[in-house]
């Protein structure tokens, strides 16, 4: 079964490249980039497969066991645009493959100086004979770094100014994982690509790691009443556990006092939150959003933008605003 799927995917990639991509590359005068274009065709098809699976699995679940009714379909549509942009554009993978040659050059220069850069295979040589163990270890290390990067997004004013766009969705749904400011996405992807290359992740492994992570994060953001039980939620991030991260006044604030911080920062594994005392377990499914989206007697609701470009522009303005507040 797996071999059949792999062969089908490879055949589709070859057909799409030869029939569409390669002629376009020759016509545009970019024939020297054909090898990169072939890899790009793979990333594009992986994104297509992810979108199809999301439609076939998560959309029906959102209809059958929703947390709440969608009250703003335009906001969900904008989230879908973000997902198409990130999945079919393969931002994470593109950044990885752009940085790979630079890291390889630096590694080569260090070798000439007699310095062996750190990676997991140098630390544990026996891993080369255990690809599955290596893959799981890479997944664990990258998720550990994701946890701390996520905490940084909630701890530094300028980063929160960008990341708050992700939290501003009050109708959280399966497309909301990719609702991110483009600059926030670039900073995140560069950081994680550097970590992956530093620990020795191969390109093929990185493609699979990114795809698995993205699919699980889509589930976490889905508008579904799903949890994994007390024990399961303490190990793996479930939709209910992650919804508390997006809950107004809880997920993005320290003890509800309106200061930066929050709970449930784990991306794949929730035990990081238990280990570092940021876990918040509860049995309810809360409404999502940012506190300043709710108007008060003395303060109007903050506008996070209705359309894609307005959201991007307002994100940059918040980044500057919050960085100034942090500097005081």
C-alpha atoms as a PDB file:
ATOM      1  CA  UNK A   1       0.000   0.000   0.000  1.00  0.00           C
ATOM      2  CA  UNK A   2       2.731   2.450   1.031  1.00  0.00           C
ATOM      3  CA  UNK A   3       4.866   1.496  -1.964  1.00  0.00           C
ATOM      4  CA  UNK A   4       1.873   2.075  -4.245  1.00  0.00           C
ATOM      5  CA  UNK A   5       1.299   5.561  -2.797  1.00  0.00           C
ATOM      6  CA  UNK A   6       4.990   6.428  -3.073  1.00  0.00           C
ATOM      7  CA  UNK A   7       5.101   5.278  -6.687  1.00  0.00           C
ATOM      8  CA  UNK A   8       1.909   7.199  -7.489  1.00  0.00           C
ATOM      9  CA  UNK A   9       3.314  10.345  -5.909  1.00  0.00           C
ATOM     10  CA  UNK A  10       6.636  10.010  -7.763  1.00  0.00           C
ATOM     11  CA  UNK A  11       4.824   9.429 -11.063  1.00  0.00           C
ATOM     12  CA  UNK A  12       2.587  12.454 -10.520  1.00  0.00           C
ATOM     13  CA  UNK A  13       5.578  14.606  -9.625  1.00  0.00           C
ATOM     14  CA  UNK A  14       7.448  13.522 -12.773  1.00  0.00           C
ATOM     15  CA  UNK A  15       4.397  14.124 -14.986  1.00  0.00           C
ATOM     16  CA  UNK A  16       3.693  17.573 -13.526  1.00  0.00           C
ATOM     17  CA  UNK A  17       7.343  18.587 -13.827  1.00  0.00           C
ATOM     18  CA  UNK A  18       7.771  17.376 -17.404  1.00  0.00           C
ATOM     19  CA  UNK A  19       4.384  18.582 -18.664  1.00  0.00           C
ATOM     20  CA  UNK A  20       4.064  21.945 -16.921  1.00  0.00           C
ATOM     21  CA  UNK A  21       7.010  23.107 -14.817  1.00  0.00           C
ATOM     22  CA  UNK A  22       9.905  22.268 -17.141  1.00  0.00           C
ATOM     23  CA  UNK A  23       8.384  23.930 -20.253  1.00  0.00           C
ATOM     24  CA  UNK A  24       7.590  27.046 -18.209  1.00  0.00           C
ATOM     25  CA  UNK A  25      11.141  27.166 -16.839  1.00  0.00           C
ATOM     26  CA  UNK A  26      12.635  26.907 -20.339  1.00  0.00           C
ATOM     27  CA  UNK A  27      10.237  29.552 -21.659  1.00  0.00           C
ATOM     28  CA  UNK A  28      11.170  31.930 -18.826  1.00  0.00           C
ATOM     29  CA  UNK A  29      14.906  31.343 -19.331  1.00  0.00           C
ATOM     30  CA  UNK A  30      15.438  29.689 -15.958  1.00  0.00           C
ATOM     31  CA  UNK A  31      16.752  26.333 -17.165  1.00  0.00           C
ATOM     32  CA  UNK A  32      19.693  26.473 -14.743  1.00  0.00           C
ATOM     33  CA  UNK A  33      17.205  26.137 -11.874  1.00  0.00           C
ATOM     34  CA  UNK A  34      15.529  22.961 -13.152  1.00  0.00           C
ATOM     35  CA  UNK A  35      16.818  20.830 -10.273  1.00  0.00           C
ATOM     36  CA  UNK A  36      15.405  23.266  -7.709  1.00  0.00           C
ATOM     37  CA  UNK A  37      12.161  23.404  -9.685  1.00  0.00           C
ATOM     38  CA  UNK A  38      11.880  19.602  -9.527  1.00  0.00           C
ATOM     39  CA  UNK A  39      12.177  19.775  -5.721  1.00  0.00           C
ATOM     40  CA  UNK A  40       9.671  22.607  -5.709  1.00  0.00           C
ATOM     41  CA  UNK A  41       7.207  20.416  -7.590  1.00  0.00           C
ATOM     42  CA  UNK A  42       7.469  17.886  -4.764  1.00  0.00           C
ATOM     43  CA  UNK A  43       6.764  20.546  -2.120  1.00  0.00           C
ATOM     44  CA  UNK A  44       3.768  21.761  -4.125  1.00  0.00           C
ATOM     45  CA  UNK A  45       2.307  18.237  -4.382  1.00  0.00           C
ATOM     46  CA  UNK A  46       2.822  17.619  -0.671  1.00  0.00           C
ATOM     47  CA  UNK A  47       0.878  20.803   0.005  1.00  0.00           C
ATOM     48  CA  UNK A  48      -1.910  19.661  -2.331  1.00  0.00           C
ATOM     49  CA  UNK A  49      -2.093  16.308  -0.529  1.00  0.00           C
ATOM     50  CA  UNK A  50      -2.314  18.100   2.820  1.00  0.00           C
ATOM     51  CA  UNK A  51      -5.162  20.314   1.605  1.00  0.00           C
ATOM     52  CA  UNK A  52      -7.064  17.302   0.246  1.00  0.00           C
ATOM     53  CA  UNK A  53      -6.686  15.412   3.538  1.00  0.00           C
ATOM     54  CA  UNK A  54      -7.839  18.431   5.520  1.00  0.00           C
ATOM     55  CA  UNK A  55     -10.943  18.715   3.353  1.00  0.00           C
ATOM     56  CA  UNK A  56     -11.711  15.002   3.553  1.00  0.00           C
ATOM     57  CA  UNK A  57     -11.069  14.508   7.281  1.00  0.00           C
ATOM     58  CA  UNK A  58     -11.239  17.709   9.316  1.00  0.00           C
ATOM     59  CA  UNK A  59     -13.966  19.603   7.449  1.00  0.00           C
ATOM     60  CA  UNK A  60     -16.518  16.794   8.012  1.00  0.00           C
ATOM     61  CA  UNK A  61     -15.479  16.600  11.685  1.00  0.00           C
ATOM     62  CA  UNK A  62     -16.015  20.343  12.084  1.00  0.00           C
ATOM     63  CA  UNK A  63     -19.536  19.864  10.745  1.00  0.00           C
ATOM     64  CA  UNK A  64     -20.307  16.884  12.987  1.00  0.00           C
ATOM     65  CA  UNK A  65     -18.800  17.949  16.334  1.00  0.00           C
ATOM     66  CA  UNK A  66     -18.184  21.724  16.243  1.00  0.00           C
ATOM     67  CA  UNK A  67     -17.217  23.704  19.320  1.00  0.00           C
ATOM     68  CA  UNK A  68     -19.221  26.700  18.117  1.00  0.00           C
ATOM     69  CA  UNK A  69     -21.029  27.951  15.046  1.00  0.00           C
ATOM     70  CA  UNK A  70     -18.922  29.954  12.599  1.00  0.00           C
ATOM     71  CA  UNK A  71     -20.172  33.540  12.832  1.00  0.00           C
ATOM     72  CA  UNK A  72     -17.647  35.127  10.490  1.00  0.00           C
ATOM     73  CA  UNK A  73     -17.228  33.110   7.306  1.00  0.00           C
ATOM     74  CA  UNK A  74     -15.071  35.830   5.744  1.00  0.00           C
ATOM     75  CA  UNK A  75     -12.522  35.400   8.545  1.00  0.00           C
ATOM     76  CA  UNK A  76     -12.448  31.646   7.880  1.00  0.00           C
ATOM     77  CA  UNK A  77     -11.997  32.302   4.157  1.00  0.00           C
ATOM     78  CA  UNK A  78      -8.999  34.577   4.876  1.00  0.00           C
ATOM     79  CA  UNK A  79      -7.525  31.765   7.001  1.00  0.00           C
ATOM     80  CA  UNK A  80      -7.945  29.424   4.047  1.00  0.00           C
ATOM     81  CA  UNK A  81      -5.984  31.874   1.864  1.00  0.00           C
ATOM     82  CA  UNK A  82      -3.167  31.818   4.428  1.00  0.00           C
ATOM     83  CA  UNK A  83      -3.183  28.006   4.375  1.00  0.00           C
ATOM     84  CA  UNK A  84      -3.006  27.826   0.577  1.00  0.00           C
ATOM     85  CA  UNK A  85      -0.181  30.380   0.568  1.00  0.00           C
ATOM     86  CA  UNK A  86       1.857  28.576   3.206  1.00  0.00           C
ATOM     87  CA  UNK A  87       1.167  24.986   2.120  1.00  0.00           C
ATOM     88  CA  UNK A  88       1.425  25.357  -1.644  1.00  0.00           C
ATOM     89  CA  UNK A  89       4.130  27.997  -1.392  1.00  0.00           C
ATOM     90  CA  UNK A  90       6.004  25.717   1.045  1.00  0.00           C
ATOM     91  CA  UNK A  91       7.583  28.597   2.985  1.00  0.00           C
ATOM     92  CA  UNK A  92       9.189  26.373   5.623  1.00  0.00           C
ATOM     93  CA  UNK A  93      10.730  24.039   3.052  1.00  0.00           C
ATOM     94  CA  UNK A  94      11.847  26.872   0.780  1.00  0.00           C
ATOM     95  CA  UNK A  95      13.696  28.561   3.633  1.00  0.00           C
ATOM     96  CA  UNK A  96      15.349  25.266   4.584  1.00  0.00           C
ATOM     97  CA  UNK A  97      16.659  24.634   1.070  1.00  0.00           C
ATOM     98  CA  UNK A  98      17.836  28.231   0.688  1.00  0.00           C
ATOM     99  CA  UNK A  99      19.790  28.104   3.942  1.00  0.00           C
ATOM    100  CA  UNK A 100      21.171  24.585   3.371  1.00  0.00           C
ATOM    101  CA  UNK A 101      23.988  25.677   0.969  1.00  0.00           C
ATOM    102  CA  UNK A 102      25.049  28.452   3.361  1.00  0.00           C
ATOM    103  CA  UNK A 103      25.231  26.087   6.320  1.00  0.00           C
ATOM    104  CA  UNK A 104      27.120  23.537   4.206  1.00  0.00           C
ATOM    105  CA  UNK A 105      29.682  26.210   3.298  1.00  0.00           C
ATOM    106  CA  UNK A 106      30.125  27.254   6.932  1.00  0.00           C
ATOM    107  CA  UNK A 107      30.496  23.609   7.953  1.00  0.00           C
ATOM    108  CA  UNK A 108      33.160  23.107   5.289  1.00  0.00           C
ATOM    109  CA  UNK A 109      35.114  26.128   6.522  1.00  0.00           C
ATOM    110  CA  UNK A 110      34.912  24.900  10.114  1.00  0.00           C
ATOM    111  CA  UNK A 111      36.191  21.457   9.047  1.00  0.00           C
ATOM    112  CA  UNK A 112      39.208  23.135   7.432  1.00  0.00           C
ATOM    113  CA  UNK A 113      39.918  24.744  10.802  1.00  0.00           C
ATOM    114  CA  UNK A 114      39.630  21.378  12.536  1.00  0.00           C
ATOM    115  CA  UNK A 115      36.266  22.200  14.121  1.00  0.00           C
ATOM    116  CA  UNK A 116      33.438  19.673  13.901  1.00  0.00           C
ATOM    117  CA  UNK A 117      30.062  21.419  14.263  1.00  0.00           C
ATOM    118  CA  UNK A 118      27.579  19.866  16.678  1.00  0.00           C
ATOM    119  CA  UNK A 119      24.949  17.505  15.358  1.00  0.00           C
ATOM    120  CA  UNK A 120      23.165  14.488  16.787  1.00  0.00           C
ATOM    121  CA  UNK A 121      25.096  11.992  14.711  1.00  0.00           C
ATOM    122  CA  UNK A 122      28.379  13.289  16.127  1.00  0.00           C
ATOM    123  CA  UNK A 123      26.927  13.072  19.623  1.00  0.00           C
ATOM    124  CA  UNK A 124      25.401   9.612  19.146  1.00  0.00           C
ATOM    125  CA  UNK A 125      27.170   7.840  16.258  1.00  0.00           C
ATOM    126  CA  UNK A 126      24.997   4.725  16.541  1.00  0.00           C
ATOM    127  CA  UNK A 127      22.000   6.665  15.280  1.00  0.00           C
ATOM    128  CA  UNK A 128      23.102   6.258  11.662  1.00  0.00           C
ATOM    129  CA  UNK A 129      21.961   2.616  11.788  1.00  0.00           C
ATOM    130  CA  UNK A 130      18.554   3.461  13.301  1.00  0.00           C
ATOM    131  CA  UNK A 131      16.688   5.819  10.931  1.00  0.00           C
ATOM    132  CA  UNK A 132      13.356   5.613  12.786  1.00  0.00           C
ATOM    133  CA  UNK A 133      14.979   6.412  16.135  1.00  0.00           C
ATOM    134  CA  UNK A 134      16.881   9.268  14.506  1.00  0.00           C
ATOM    135  CA  UNK A 135      13.700  10.661  12.984  1.00  0.00           C
ATOM    136  CA  UNK A 136      11.837  10.549  16.316  1.00  0.00           C
ATOM    137  CA  UNK A 137      14.772  12.186  18.089  1.00  0.00           C
ATOM    138  CA  UNK A 138      14.859  14.954  15.498  1.00  0.00           C
ATOM    139  CA  UNK A 139      11.114  15.426  15.997  1.00  0.00           C
ATOM    140  CA  UNK A 140      11.585  15.688  19.764  1.00  0.00           C
ATOM    141  CA  UNK A 141      14.484  18.156  19.560  1.00  0.00           C
ATOM    142  CA  UNK A 142      12.736  20.365  17.013  1.00  0.00           C
ATOM    143  CA  UNK A 143       9.538  20.375  19.084  1.00  0.00           C
ATOM    144  CA  UNK A 144      11.540  21.375  22.170  1.00  0.00           C
ATOM    145  CA  UNK A 145      12.907  24.335  20.205  1.00  0.00           C
ATOM    146  CA  UNK A 146       9.407  25.103  18.906  1.00  0.00           C
ATOM    147  CA  UNK A 147       8.156  25.290  22.490  1.00  0.00           C
ATOM    148  CA  UNK A 148      10.755  27.880  23.466  1.00  0.00           C
ATOM    149  CA  UNK A 149      10.327  29.849  20.258  1.00  0.00           C
ATOM    150  CA  UNK A 150       6.584  29.919  20.906  1.00  0.00           C
ATOM    151  CA  UNK A 151       7.194  31.199  24.421  1.00  0.00           C
ATOM    152  CA  UNK A 152       9.398  33.934  22.949  1.00  0.00           C
ATOM    153  CA  UNK A 153       6.518  34.974  20.685  1.00  0.00           C
ATOM    154  CA  UNK A 154       4.487  35.557  23.846  1.00  0.00           C
ATOM    155  CA  UNK A 155       7.338  37.065  25.839  1.00  0.00           C
ATOM    156  CA  UNK A 156       8.843  39.781  23.633  1.00  0.00           C
ATOM    157  CA  UNK A 157       6.634  42.714  22.733  1.00  0.00           C
ATOM    158  CA  UNK A 158       7.703  43.079  19.106  1.00  0.00           C
ATOM    159  CA  UNK A 159       7.271  39.363  18.419  1.00  0.00           C
ATOM    160  CA  UNK A 160       3.874  39.352  20.097  1.00  0.00           C
ATOM    161  CA  UNK A 161       2.898  42.296  17.908  1.00  0.00           C
ATOM    162  CA  UNK A 162       3.291  39.982  14.918  1.00  0.00           C
ATOM    163  CA  UNK A 163       2.113  36.750  16.528  1.00  0.00           C
ATOM    164  CA  UNK A 164      -1.048  38.335  17.942  1.00  0.00           C
ATOM    165  CA  UNK A 165      -2.512  38.145  14.427  1.00  0.00           C
ATOM    166  CA  UNK A 166      -2.584  34.364  14.847  1.00  0.00           C
ATOM    167  CA  UNK A 167      -4.511  34.740  18.118  1.00  0.00           C
ATOM    168  CA  UNK A 168      -6.980  37.282  16.789  1.00  0.00           C
ATOM    169  CA  UNK A 169      -9.163  34.633  15.118  1.00  0.00           C
ATOM    170  CA  UNK A 170     -12.374  34.492  17.158  1.00  0.00           C
ATOM    171  CA  UNK A 171     -13.767  31.745  14.910  1.00  0.00           C
ATOM    172  CA  UNK A 172     -10.820  29.368  15.192  1.00  0.00           C
ATOM    173  CA  UNK A 173     -10.968  26.605  12.580  1.00  0.00           C
ATOM    174  CA  UNK A 174      -8.841  24.025  10.786  1.00  0.00           C
ATOM    175  CA  UNK A 175      -7.247  26.711   8.561  1.00  0.00           C
ATOM    176  CA  UNK A 176      -6.227  28.949  11.475  1.00  0.00           C
ATOM    177  CA  UNK A 177      -2.840  27.325  12.024  1.00  0.00           C
ATOM    178  CA  UNK A 178      -1.444  29.227   9.038  1.00  0.00           C
ATOM    179  CA  UNK A 179      -3.004  32.573  10.006  1.00  0.00           C
ATOM    180  CA  UNK A 180       0.393  34.174  10.616  1.00  0.00           C
ATOM    181  CA  UNK A 181       2.075  37.422   9.725  1.00  0.00           C
ATOM    182  CA  UNK A 182       4.475  36.838   6.822  1.00  0.00           C
ATOM    183  CA  UNK A 183       7.397  38.382   8.724  1.00  0.00           C
ATOM    184  CA  UNK A 184       6.590  36.211  11.739  1.00  0.00           C
ATOM    185  CA  UNK A 185       6.569  33.178   9.439  1.00  0.00           C
ATOM    186  CA  UNK A 186       9.934  34.034   7.891  1.00  0.00           C
ATOM    187  CA  UNK A 187      11.607  34.577  11.299  1.00  0.00           C
ATOM    188  CA  UNK A 188      10.178  31.302  12.608  1.00  0.00           C
ATOM    189  CA  UNK A 189      11.106  29.278   9.524  1.00  0.00           C
ATOM    190  CA  UNK A 190      14.669  30.628   9.387  1.00  0.00           C
ATOM    191  CA  UNK A 191      15.143  29.822  13.078  1.00  0.00           C
ATOM    192  CA  UNK A 192      13.817  26.276  12.794  1.00  0.00           C
ATOM    193  CA  UNK A 193      15.701  25.594   9.555  1.00  0.00           C
ATOM    194  CA  UNK A 194      18.969  26.612  11.221  1.00  0.00           C
ATOM    195  CA  UNK A 195      18.226  24.325  14.174  1.00  0.00           C
ATOM    196  CA  UNK A 196      17.348  21.429  11.858  1.00  0.00           C
ATOM    197  CA  UNK A 197      20.517  21.835   9.819  1.00  0.00           C
ATOM    198  CA  UNK A 198      22.629  22.212  12.963  1.00  0.00           C
ATOM    199  CA  UNK A 199      21.471  18.865  14.358  1.00  0.00           C
ATOM    200  CA  UNK A 200      21.972  17.089  11.035  1.00  0.00           C
ATOM    201  CA  UNK A 201      18.455  16.752   9.593  1.00  0.00           C
ATOM    202  CA  UNK A 202      18.548  15.628   5.973  1.00  0.00           C
ATOM    203  CA  UNK A 203      16.346  17.398   3.381  1.00  0.00           C
ATOM    204  CA  UNK A 204      14.056  14.389   2.862  1.00  0.00           C
ATOM    205  CA  UNK A 205      13.613  14.036   6.617  1.00  0.00           C
ATOM    206  CA  UNK A 206      12.848  17.734   6.984  1.00  0.00           C
ATOM    207  CA  UNK A 207      10.089  17.553   4.375  1.00  0.00           C
ATOM    208  CA  UNK A 208       8.408  14.743   6.336  1.00  0.00           C
ATOM    209  CA  UNK A 209       8.944  16.453   9.701  1.00  0.00           C
ATOM    210  CA  UNK A 210       7.351  19.665   8.460  1.00  0.00           C
ATOM    211  CA  UNK A 211       4.413  17.870   6.836  1.00  0.00           C
ATOM    212  CA  UNK A 212       3.606  15.822   9.960  1.00  0.00           C
ATOM    213  CA  UNK A 213       3.873  18.911  12.170  1.00  0.00           C
ATOM    214  CA  UNK A 214       1.608  20.983   9.919  1.00  0.00           C
ATOM    215  CA  UNK A 215      -1.103  18.312   9.740  1.00  0.00           C
ATOM    216  CA  UNK A 216      -1.175  17.866  13.514  1.00  0.00           C
ATOM    217  CA  UNK A 217      -1.324  21.620  14.043  1.00  0.00           C
ATOM    218  CA  UNK A 218      -4.286  21.843  11.686  1.00  0.00           C
ATOM    219  CA  UNK A 219      -6.069  19.311  13.903  1.00  0.00           C
ATOM    220  CA  UNK A 220      -5.179  21.316  17.028  1.00  0.00           C
ATOM    221  CA  UNK A 221      -6.783  24.467  15.616  1.00  0.00           C
ATOM    222  CA  UNK A 222      -9.851  22.734  14.203  1.00  0.00           C
ATOM    223  CA  UNK A 223     -13.306  23.694  15.446  1.00  0.00           C
ATOM    224  CA  UNK A 224     -13.925  20.223  16.900  1.00  0.00           C
ATOM    225  CA  UNK A 225     -14.803  18.887  20.339  1.00  0.00           C
ATOM    226  CA  UNK A 226     -11.857  16.507  20.567  1.00  0.00           C
ATOM    227  CA  UNK A 227      -9.486  15.745  23.412  1.00  0.00           C
ATOM    228  CA  UNK A 228      -7.215  12.816  24.265  1.00  0.00           C
ATOM    229  CA  UNK A 229      -8.199  12.372  27.906  1.00  0.00           C
ATOM    230  CA  UNK A 230      -6.258  13.596  30.919  1.00  0.00           C
ATOM    231  CA  UNK A 231      -3.247  11.381  30.198  1.00  0.00           C
ATOM    232  CA  UNK A 232      -3.275  11.904  26.439  1.00  0.00           C
ATOM    233  CA  UNK A 233      -3.595  15.688  26.750  1.00  0.00           C
ATOM    234  CA  UNK A 234      -0.612  15.652  29.108  1.00  0.00           C
ATOM    235  CA  UNK A 235       1.521  14.060  26.376  1.00  0.00           C
ATOM    236  CA  UNK A 236       0.249  15.293  23.014  1.00  0.00           C
ATOM    237  CA  UNK A 237      -1.356  18.652  22.205  1.00  0.00           C
ATOM    238  CA  UNK A 238      -5.073  18.091  21.540  1.00  0.00           C
ATOM    239  CA  UNK A 239      -7.611  20.556  20.099  1.00  0.00           C
ATOM    240  CA  UNK A 240      -8.989  21.186  23.611  1.00  0.00           C
ATOM    241  CA  UNK A 241      -5.542  21.712  25.156  1.00  0.00           C
ATOM    242  CA  UNK A 242      -4.541  24.107  22.384  1.00  0.00           C
ATOM    243  CA  UNK A 243      -7.869  25.968  22.486  1.00  0.00           C
ATOM    244  CA  UNK A 244      -6.969  27.048  26.011  1.00  0.00           C
ATOM    245  CA  UNK A 245      -3.803  28.563  24.536  1.00  0.00           C
ATOM    246  CA  UNK A 246      -6.078  30.690  22.335  1.00  0.00           C
ATOM    247  CA  UNK A 247      -8.601  31.409  25.100  1.00  0.00           C
ATOM    248  CA  UNK A 248      -9.190  35.105  25.820  1.00  0.00           C
ATOM    249  CA  UNK A 249      -7.365  36.203  28.958  1.00  0.00           C
ATOM    250  CA  UNK A 250      -5.673  32.830  29.541  1.00  0.00           C
ATOM    251  CA  UNK A 251      -3.625  31.630  26.604  1.00  0.00           C
ATOM    252  CA  UNK A 252      -1.724  34.831  25.828  1.00  0.00           C
ATOM    253  CA  UNK A 253      -1.548  36.488  29.251  1.00  0.00           C
ATOM    254  CA  UNK A 254       0.187  35.821  32.547  1.00  0.00           C
ATOM    255  CA  UNK A 255      -2.463  34.802  35.085  1.00  0.00           C
ATOM    256  CA  UNK A 256      -5.064  36.911  33.304  1.00  0.00           C
ATOM    257  CA  UNK A 257      -3.388  40.166  34.316  1.00  0.00           C
ATOM    258  CA  UNK A 258      -3.022  41.502  30.799  1.00  0.00           C
ATOM    259  CA  UNK A 259       0.759  41.073  30.678  1.00  0.00           C
ATOM    260  CA  UNK A 260       2.666  38.995  28.162  1.00  0.00           C
ATOM    261  CA  UNK A 261       2.942  35.303  28.913  1.00  0.00           C
ATOM    262  CA  UNK A 262       0.315  32.584  28.784  1.00  0.00           C
ATOM    263  CA  UNK A 263      -0.139  28.835  28.849  1.00  0.00           C
ATOM    264  CA  UNK A 264       0.051  25.714  26.678  1.00  0.00           C
ATOM    265  CA  UNK A 265       2.895  26.660  24.343  1.00  0.00           C
ATOM    266  CA  UNK A 266       3.604  23.092  23.219  1.00  0.00           C
ATOM    267  CA  UNK A 267       3.440  22.619  19.454  1.00  0.00           C
ATOM    268  CA  UNK A 268       3.267  18.820  19.228  1.00  0.00           C
ATOM    269  CA  UNK A 269       4.026  17.569  22.730  1.00  0.00           C
ATOM    270  CA  UNK A 270       2.259  19.052  25.740  1.00  0.00           C
ATOM    271  CA  UNK A 271       4.613  17.549  28.314  1.00  0.00           C
ATOM    272  CA  UNK A 272       6.958  20.507  27.747  1.00  0.00           C
ATOM    273  CA  UNK A 273       4.290  22.683  29.349  1.00  0.00           C
ATOM    274  CA  UNK A 274       4.013  20.366  32.336  1.00  0.00           C
ATOM    275  CA  UNK A 275       7.795  20.247  32.660  1.00  0.00           C
ATOM    276  CA  UNK A 276       8.222  24.034  32.547  1.00  0.00           C
ATOM    277  CA  UNK A 277       5.046  24.878  34.510  1.00  0.00           C
ATOM    278  CA  UNK A 278       3.071  26.515  31.717  1.00  0.00           C
ATOM    279  CA  UNK A 279       0.338  23.877  31.373  1.00  0.00           C
ATOM    280  CA  UNK A 280      -3.324  24.708  31.873  1.00  0.00           C
ATOM    281  CA  UNK A 281      -5.719  21.752  31.879  1.00  0.00           C
ATOM    282  CA  UNK A 282      -9.472  22.190  31.829  1.00  0.00           C
ATOM    283  CA  UNK A 283     -12.468  20.299  30.459  1.00  0.00           C
ATOM    284  CA  UNK A 284     -14.254  23.156  28.724  1.00  0.00           C
ATOM    285  CA  UNK A 285     -13.844  24.535  25.191  1.00  0.00           C
ATOM    286  CA  UNK A 286     -13.396  28.299  25.483  1.00  0.00           C
ATOM    287  CA  UNK A 287     -13.971  31.170  23.062  1.00  0.00           C
ATOM    288  CA  UNK A 288     -10.822  32.372  21.350  1.00  0.00           C
ATOM    289  CA  UNK A 289      -9.279  35.765  20.612  1.00  0.00           C
ATOM    290  CA  UNK A 290      -7.200  38.542  22.165  1.00  0.00           C
ATOM    291  CA  UNK A 291      -8.439  40.545  25.143  1.00  0.00           C
ATOM    292  CA  UNK A 292      -8.084  43.930  23.413  1.00  0.00           C
ATOM    293  CA  UNK A 293     -10.506  42.784  20.699  1.00  0.00           C
ATOM    294  CA  UNK A 294     -13.261  43.202  23.290  1.00  0.00           C
ATOM    295  CA  UNK A 295     -14.337  46.811  23.774  1.00  0.00           C
ATOM    296  CA  UNK A 296     -14.445  48.155  27.341  1.00  0.00           C
ATOM    297  CA  UNK A 297     -15.952  51.295  28.859  1.00  0.00           C
ATOM    298  CA  UNK A 298     -12.757  53.255  28.447  1.00  0.00           C
ATOM    299  CA  UNK A 299     -11.167  51.585  25.447  1.00  0.00           C
ATOM    300  CA  UNK A 300     -12.471  50.644  21.982  1.00  0.00           C
ATOM    301  CA  UNK A 301     -11.818  47.214  20.492  1.00  0.00           C
ATOM    302  CA  UNK A 302      -8.525  46.915  18.639  1.00  0.00           C
ATOM    303  CA  UNK A 303      -8.791  46.352  14.895  1.00  0.00           C
ATOM    304  CA  UNK A 304      -6.763  43.387  13.635  1.00  0.00           C
ATOM    305  CA  UNK A 305      -7.901  43.760  10.029  1.00  0.00           C
ATOM    306  CA  UNK A 306     -10.556  42.094   7.946  1.00  0.00           C
ATOM    307  CA  UNK A 307      -8.531  41.334   4.840  1.00  0.00           C
ATOM    308  CA  UNK A 308      -5.149  39.747   4.205  1.00  0.00           C
ATOM    309  CA  UNK A 309      -3.218  42.942   3.465  1.00  0.00           C
ATOM    310  CA  UNK A 310      -4.832  44.979   6.234  1.00  0.00           C
ATOM    311  CA  UNK A 311      -3.876  42.216   8.701  1.00  0.00           C
ATOM    312  CA  UNK A 312      -0.288  42.320   7.460  1.00  0.00           C
ATOM    313  CA  UNK A 313      -0.076  46.112   7.737  1.00  0.00           C
ATOM    314  CA  UNK A 314      -1.652  46.288  11.192  1.00  0.00           C
ATOM    315  CA  UNK A 315       0.707  43.525  12.355  1.00  0.00           C
ATOM    316  CA  UNK A 316       3.706  45.674  11.450  1.00  0.00           C
ATOM    317  CA  UNK A 317       2.164  48.626  13.282  1.00  0.00           C
ATOM    318  CA  UNK A 318       1.636  46.496  16.409  1.00  0.00           C
ATOM    319  CA  UNK A 319       5.221  45.254  16.212  1.00  0.00           C
ATOM    320  CA  UNK A 320       6.495  48.850  16.339  1.00  0.00           C
ATOM    321  CA  UNK A 321       3.964  49.873  19.003  1.00  0.00           C
ATOM    322  CA  UNK A 322       4.694  46.976  21.347  1.00  0.00           C
ATOM    323  CA  UNK A 323       8.472  47.195  20.883  1.00  0.00           C
ATOM    324  CA  UNK A 324       8.301  50.829  22.020  1.00  0.00           C
ATOM    325  CA  UNK A 325       6.279  49.868  25.080  1.00  0.00           C
ATOM    326  CA  UNK A 326       8.820  47.181  25.965  1.00  0.00           C
ATOM    327  CA  UNK A 327      11.661  49.686  25.702  1.00  0.00           C
ATOM    328  CA  UNK A 328      10.107  52.007  28.321  1.00  0.00           C
END
